Amino acid sequence: MRGDRKCILDSKQYNYCPHCNHDNPNETWRYLFCSENCREIYKILEDWTGKKISSDDAKQKLVLHELPSLDQIQPSLRKNIEDINASAQTILTNRIVEEKPKRRGRKKKTIVNED
């Protein structure tokens, strides 16, 4: 039987059962989060709340992730995101730059922050 769960970041309903063959039992983070994206966003917010990273660092890291709309995010976590945006010193705009590979292969895409 699959377990019905609710993501602690965006309240999305999802199924995860560590005992079923359909789900990977090594992904224990799936007990709390519906996706790797939500897990990473939560980790950034946790680091910012614990003062391990600055508001600027948190904002730069959050820009790299696909944030759910703010009305879907839990109220306390939503407030943290709003506080990060309000207190961050830099305003970031992202653009993707293609770089030529050093060897044969695919082009590497990087995100460049422009002030």
C-alpha atoms as a PDB file:
ATOM      1  CA  MET A   1       0.000   0.000   0.000  1.00  0.00           C
ATOM      2  CA  ARG A   2       1.346   3.392  -0.964  1.00  0.00           C
ATOM      3  CA  GLY A   3       1.464   6.171   1.584  1.00  0.00           C
ATOM      4  CA  ASP A   4      -0.333   9.449   0.979  1.00  0.00           C
ATOM      5  CA  ARG A   5       1.856  12.309   2.123  1.00  0.00           C
ATOM      6  CA  LYS A   6       1.822  16.100   2.157  1.00  0.00           C
ATOM      7  CA  CYS A   7       4.977  18.085   1.315  1.00  0.00           C
ATOM      8  CA  ILE A   8       6.105  20.311   4.196  1.00  0.00           C
ATOM      9  CA  LEU A   9       7.173  23.073   1.808  1.00  0.00           C
ATOM     10  CA  ASP A  10       4.338  23.480  -0.681  1.00  0.00           C
ATOM     11  CA  SER A  11       1.612  21.238   0.815  1.00  0.00           C
ATOM     12  CA  LYS A  12       1.435  19.203  -2.393  1.00  0.00           C
ATOM     13  CA  GLN A  13      -0.104  15.759  -1.982  1.00  0.00           C
ATOM     14  CA  TYR A  14       2.107  12.885  -3.166  1.00  0.00           C
ATOM     15  CA  ASN A  15       2.582   9.164  -2.654  1.00  0.00           C
ATOM     16  CA  TYR A  16       5.610   7.557  -1.070  1.00  0.00           C
ATOM     17  CA  CYS A  17       6.015   4.200   0.572  1.00  0.00           C
ATOM     18  CA  PRO A  18       9.510   3.054   1.605  1.00  0.00           C
ATOM     19  CA  HIS A  19       8.334  -0.562   1.601  1.00  0.00           C
ATOM     20  CA  CYS A  20       6.934  -0.629  -1.928  1.00  0.00           C
ATOM     21  CA  ASN A  21       8.989  -1.661  -4.921  1.00  0.00           C
ATOM     22  CA  HIS A  22       7.827   1.451  -6.811  1.00  0.00           C
ATOM     23  CA  ASP A  23       9.660   3.835  -4.490  1.00  0.00           C
ATOM     24  CA  ASN A  24      13.342   3.934  -3.657  1.00  0.00           C
ATOM     25  CA  PRO A  25      13.729   3.194   0.081  1.00  0.00           C
ATOM     26  CA  ASN A  26      17.085   5.036   0.083  1.00  0.00           C
ATOM     27  CA  GLU A  27      15.354   8.349  -0.613  1.00  0.00           C
ATOM     28  CA  THR A  28      14.295   8.914   2.991  1.00  0.00           C
ATOM     29  CA  TRP A  29      13.874  12.638   2.309  1.00  0.00           C
ATOM     30  CA  ARG A  30      10.681  11.657   0.461  1.00  0.00           C
ATOM     31  CA  TYR A  31       8.996  11.256   3.853  1.00  0.00           C
ATOM     32  CA  LEU A  32       8.850  15.071   4.024  1.00  0.00           C
ATOM     33  CA  PHE A  33       9.226  16.453   0.495  1.00  0.00           C
ATOM     34  CA  CYS A  34       7.444  15.789  -2.780  1.00  0.00           C
ATOM     35  CA  SER A  35      10.532  16.568  -4.885  1.00  0.00           C
ATOM     36  CA  GLU A  36      14.267  17.142  -4.745  1.00  0.00           C
ATOM     37  CA  ASN A  37      13.536  20.788  -5.611  1.00  0.00           C
ATOM     38  CA  CYS A  38      11.409  21.281  -2.471  1.00  0.00           C
ATOM     39  CA  ARG A  39      14.079  19.545  -0.415  1.00  0.00           C
ATOM     40  CA  GLU A  40      16.798  21.894  -1.690  1.00  0.00           C
ATOM     41  CA  ILE A  41      14.661  25.012  -1.156  1.00  0.00           C
ATOM     42  CA  TYR A  42      13.912  23.929   2.414  1.00  0.00           C
ATOM     43  CA  LYS A  43      17.633  23.327   3.068  1.00  0.00           C
ATOM     44  CA  ILE A  44      18.443  26.872   1.861  1.00  0.00           C
ATOM     45  CA  LEU A  45      15.759  28.333   4.131  1.00  0.00           C
ATOM     46  CA  GLU A  46      17.024  26.230   7.035  1.00  0.00           C
ATOM     47  CA  ASP A  47      20.613  27.432   6.479  1.00  0.00           C
ATOM     48  CA  TRP A  48      19.441  31.062   6.301  1.00  0.00           C
ATOM     49  CA  THR A  49      17.322  30.734   9.454  1.00  0.00           C
ATOM     50  CA  GLY A  50      20.271  29.145  11.280  1.00  0.00           C
ATOM     51  CA  LYS A  51      22.482  32.042  10.091  1.00  0.00           C
ATOM     52  CA  LYS A  52      24.780  29.690   8.181  1.00  0.00           C
ATOM     53  CA  ILE A  53      24.342  31.791   5.022  1.00  0.00           C
ATOM     54  CA  SER A  54      23.570  35.464   4.393  1.00  0.00           C
ATOM     55  CA  SER A  55      20.434  36.830   2.760  1.00  0.00           C
ATOM     56  CA  ASP A  56      22.410  37.505  -0.421  1.00  0.00           C
ATOM     57  CA  ASP A  57      23.714  33.930  -0.530  1.00  0.00           C
ATOM     58  CA  ALA A  58      20.251  32.539   0.154  1.00  0.00           C
ATOM     59  CA  LYS A  59      18.738  34.635  -2.624  1.00  0.00           C
ATOM     60  CA  GLN A  60      21.424  33.560  -5.090  1.00  0.00           C
ATOM     61  CA  LYS A  61      20.768  29.917  -4.247  1.00  0.00           C
ATOM     62  CA  LEU A  62      16.976  30.275  -4.396  1.00  0.00           C
ATOM     63  CA  VAL A  63      17.211  31.790  -7.888  1.00  0.00           C
ATOM     64  CA  LEU A  64      18.690  28.501  -9.109  1.00  0.00           C
ATOM     65  CA  HIS A  65      15.594  26.551  -8.032  1.00  0.00           C
ATOM     66  CA  GLU A  66      12.058  26.502  -9.317  1.00  0.00           C
ATOM     67  CA  LEU A  67      10.068  28.091  -6.506  1.00  0.00           C
ATOM     68  CA  PRO A  68       6.409  27.183  -6.180  1.00  0.00           C
ATOM     69  CA  SER A  69       4.068  30.167  -6.116  1.00  0.00           C
ATOM     70  CA  LEU A  70       4.186  31.905  -2.743  1.00  0.00           C
ATOM     71  CA  ASP A  71       0.537  31.157  -1.967  1.00  0.00           C
ATOM     72  CA  GLN A  72       1.345  27.402  -2.098  1.00  0.00           C
ATOM     73  CA  ILE A  73       4.247  27.639   0.356  1.00  0.00           C
ATOM     74  CA  GLN A  74       3.630  27.131   4.075  1.00  0.00           C
ATOM     75  CA  PRO A  75       3.111  30.525   5.835  1.00  0.00           C
ATOM     76  CA  SER A  76       6.227  30.412   8.041  1.00  0.00           C
ATOM     77  CA  LEU A  77       8.431  29.405   5.110  1.00  0.00           C
ATOM     78  CA  ARG A  78       6.769  32.013   2.885  1.00  0.00           C
ATOM     79  CA  LYS A  79       7.692  34.678   5.439  1.00  0.00           C
ATOM     80  CA  ASN A  80      11.318  33.506   5.351  1.00  0.00           C
ATOM     81  CA  ILE A  81      11.404  33.871   1.562  1.00  0.00           C
ATOM     82  CA  GLU A  82       9.854  37.318   1.778  1.00  0.00           C
ATOM     83  CA  ASP A  83      12.396  38.331   4.448  1.00  0.00           C
ATOM     84  CA  ILE A  84      15.266  37.081   2.289  1.00  0.00           C
ATOM     85  CA  ASN A  85      14.001  39.093  -0.683  1.00  0.00           C
ATOM     86  CA  ALA A  86      13.542  42.201   1.455  1.00  0.00           C
ATOM     87  CA  SER A  87      16.944  42.053   3.156  1.00  0.00           C
ATOM     88  CA  ALA A  88      19.116  40.905   0.257  1.00  0.00           C
ATOM     89  CA  GLN A  89      21.467  43.616  -0.958  1.00  0.00           C
ATOM     90  CA  THR A  90      21.679  42.468  -4.562  1.00  0.00           C
ATOM     91  CA  ILE A  91      19.032  42.256  -7.209  1.00  0.00           C
ATOM     92  CA  LEU A  92      19.812  39.376  -9.489  1.00  0.00           C
ATOM     93  CA  THR A  93      18.893  38.866 -13.087  1.00  0.00           C
ATOM     94  CA  ASN A  94      19.845  35.572 -14.623  1.00  0.00           C
ATOM     95  CA  ARG A  95      20.726  34.728 -18.150  1.00  0.00           C
ATOM     96  CA  ILE A  96      22.024  31.486 -19.539  1.00  0.00           C
ATOM     97  CA  VAL A  97      25.341  31.658 -21.348  1.00  0.00           C
ATOM     98  CA  GLU A  98      26.569  28.888 -23.616  1.00  0.00           C
ATOM     99  CA  GLU A  99      30.254  28.123 -23.358  1.00  0.00           C
ATOM    100  CA  LYS A 100      32.308  26.279 -25.911  1.00  0.00           C
ATOM    101  CA  PRO A 101      33.429  22.881 -24.633  1.00  0.00           C
ATOM    102  CA  LYS A 102      37.147  22.315 -24.055  1.00  0.00           C
ATOM    103  CA  ARG A 103      36.854  18.947 -25.760  1.00  0.00           C
ATOM    104  CA  ARG A 104      34.361  17.427 -28.076  1.00  0.00           C
ATOM    105  CA  GLY A 105      30.935  17.225 -26.586  1.00  0.00           C
ATOM    106  CA  ARG A 106      27.949  19.238 -25.605  1.00  0.00           C
ATOM    107  CA  LYS A 107      28.036  22.908 -24.831  1.00  0.00           C
ATOM    108  CA  LYS A 108      28.006  23.763 -21.172  1.00  0.00           C
ATOM    109  CA  LYS A 109      25.314  26.151 -19.968  1.00  0.00           C
ATOM    110  CA  THR A 110      25.961  28.358 -16.982  1.00  0.00           C
ATOM    111  CA  ILE A 111      23.881  30.943 -15.213  1.00  0.00           C
ATOM    112  CA  VAL A 112      25.455  34.366 -15.026  1.00  0.00           C
ATOM    113  CA  ASN A 113      24.259  36.912 -12.475  1.00  0.00           C
ATOM    114  CA  GLU A 114      24.173  40.456 -13.749  1.00  0.00           C
ATOM    115  CA  ASP A 115      23.830  43.434 -11.444  1.00  0.00           C
END
